[in-house]
Amino acid sequence: MSAPFRIRDNGIDLFVRLTPKSSVDRLEGVETAADGRSHLKVRVRAVPENGAANQALERLAAKTLGVPVSAVSVVAGGTARLKTLRVAGDPEALSRSIEALGG
């Protein structure tokens, strides 16, 4: 199983499948798609309008990984369910945090 992230020099790229308009904000663990790629399943209460769901995703990821919200940004898939989050920080610590979530 591949990891739902890619290590970068100054952080990681985290692959996420986002479900907006959920009843709760939560990370639900890792899922592997039919093509073999893994992503973190995330639900947010926000609606997918005016970037609200992406902002909720950034806040939830920052809180979960223990980094400032300013260190997290959606860099791909802005209007799609499958997104790439860039998380700035220590790649080793971030990857351990994600693996602790079931990644």
Protein backbone atom coordinates (compact mmCIF):
# COMPACT_ATOMS: atom_id res chain seq x y z
CA MET A 1 0.00 0.00 0.00
CA SER A 2 1.36 3.39 -0.92
CA ALA A 3 1.41 6.19 1.63
CA PRO A 4 -1.13 9.00 1.21
CA PHE A 5 1.65 11.59 1.07
CA ARG A 6 4.88 12.48 -0.69
CA ILE A 7 7.89 13.85 1.22
CA ARG A 8 9.26 17.21 0.08
CA ASP A 9 12.32 19.17 1.18
CA ASN A 10 10.33 21.46 3.48
CA GLY A 11 7.28 19.37 4.30
CA ILE A 12 4.90 16.95 2.61
CA ASP A 13 2.21 16.79 -0.05
CA LEU A 14 -0.80 15.05 1.46
CA PHE A 15 -3.36 13.39 -0.84
CA VAL A 16 -6.93 13.79 0.40
CA ARG A 17 -10.41 12.72 -0.65
CA LEU A 18 -12.73 15.36 0.76
CA THR A 19 -16.42 14.91 1.51
CA PRO A 20 -18.09 18.28 2.21
CA LYS A 21 -21.48 18.86 3.86
CA SER A 22 -20.84 16.11 6.39
CA SER A 23 -22.29 16.02 9.90
CA VAL A 24 -18.81 16.24 11.47
CA ASP A 25 -15.29 17.48 10.76
CA ARG A 26 -12.99 14.48 10.94
CA LEU A 27 -10.20 12.48 9.34
CA GLU A 28 -11.33 8.94 8.66
CA GLY A 29 -8.11 7.14 7.86
CA VAL A 30 -6.51 5.98 4.65
CA GLU A 31 -8.29 4.58 1.63
CA THR A 32 -6.71 3.01 -1.47
CA ALA A 33 -8.30 3.82 -4.81
CA ALA A 34 -8.74 1.36 -7.67
CA ASP A 35 -5.56 2.69 -9.29
CA GLY A 36 -3.55 1.77 -6.19
CA ARG A 37 -2.98 5.31 -4.97
CA SER A 38 -3.76 6.06 -1.34
CA HIS A 39 -5.43 9.13 0.11
CA LEU A 40 -6.66 10.29 3.47
CA LYS A 41 -10.45 10.34 3.76
CA VAL A 42 -11.62 13.60 5.31
CA ARG A 43 -15.11 14.91 6.07
CA VAL A 44 -15.97 18.55 6.79
CA ARG A 45 -19.24 20.25 7.67
CA ALA A 46 -18.54 23.17 5.34
CA VAL A 47 -20.23 23.44 1.96
CA PRO A 48 -18.17 23.44 -1.25
CA GLU A 49 -18.89 27.09 -2.04
CA ASN A 50 -16.41 29.98 -2.22
CA GLY A 51 -13.61 27.76 -0.95
CA ALA A 52 -15.32 27.13 2.40
CA ALA A 53 -14.75 23.35 2.32
CA ASN A 54 -11.08 23.81 1.36
CA GLN A 55 -10.58 26.26 4.23
CA ALA A 56 -12.22 23.82 6.64
CA LEU A 57 -9.94 21.08 5.32
CA GLU A 58 -6.84 23.26 5.83
CA ARG A 59 -7.89 24.09 9.42
CA LEU A 60 -8.64 20.45 10.28
CA ALA A 61 -5.36 19.20 8.78
CA ALA A 62 -3.37 21.88 10.61
CA LYS A 63 -5.03 21.04 13.94
CA THR A 64 -4.55 17.29 13.45
CA LEU A 65 -0.90 17.58 12.41
CA GLY A 66 -0.01 20.22 14.99
CA VAL A 67 1.07 22.91 12.53
CA PRO A 68 -0.19 26.47 12.04
CA VAL A 69 -3.04 26.90 9.55
CA SER A 70 -0.69 29.08 7.50
CA ALA A 71 1.50 25.99 6.93
CA VAL A 72 -1.31 24.12 5.10
CA SER A 73 -2.63 24.94 1.65
CA VAL A 74 -4.62 23.19 -1.08
CA VAL A 75 -2.26 23.13 -4.06
CA ALA A 76 -4.19 20.85 -6.44
CA GLY A 77 -7.78 19.79 -6.92
CA GLY A 78 -9.31 23.01 -5.61
CA THR A 79 -12.76 22.15 -6.98
CA ALA A 80 -12.38 18.35 -7.06
CA ARG A 81 -12.95 15.75 -4.35
CA LEU A 82 -9.38 14.50 -4.67
CA LYS A 83 -7.02 17.20 -3.47
CA THR A 84 -3.36 17.69 -2.71
CA LEU A 85 -2.52 19.59 0.48
CA ARG A 86 0.96 21.04 0.88
CA VAL A 87 2.00 20.99 4.53
CA ALA A 88 5.12 22.91 5.52
CA GLY A 89 7.19 21.57 8.40
CA ASP A 90 9.52 18.75 9.36
CA PRO A 91 8.81 15.97 6.83
CA GLU A 92 9.76 13.20 9.27
CA ALA A 93 7.48 14.47 12.05
CA LEU A 94 4.62 15.07 9.61
CA SER A 95 4.91 11.62 8.07
CA ARG A 96 4.90 10.03 11.55
CA SER A 97 1.76 12.00 12.44
CA ILE A 98 0.00 10.79 9.30
CA GLU A 99 1.10 7.20 9.84
CA ALA A 100 -0.36 7.43 13.36
CA LEU A 101 -3.72 8.25 11.74
CA GLY A 102 -3.64 4.92 9.99
CA GLY A 103 -1.55 5.92 7.00
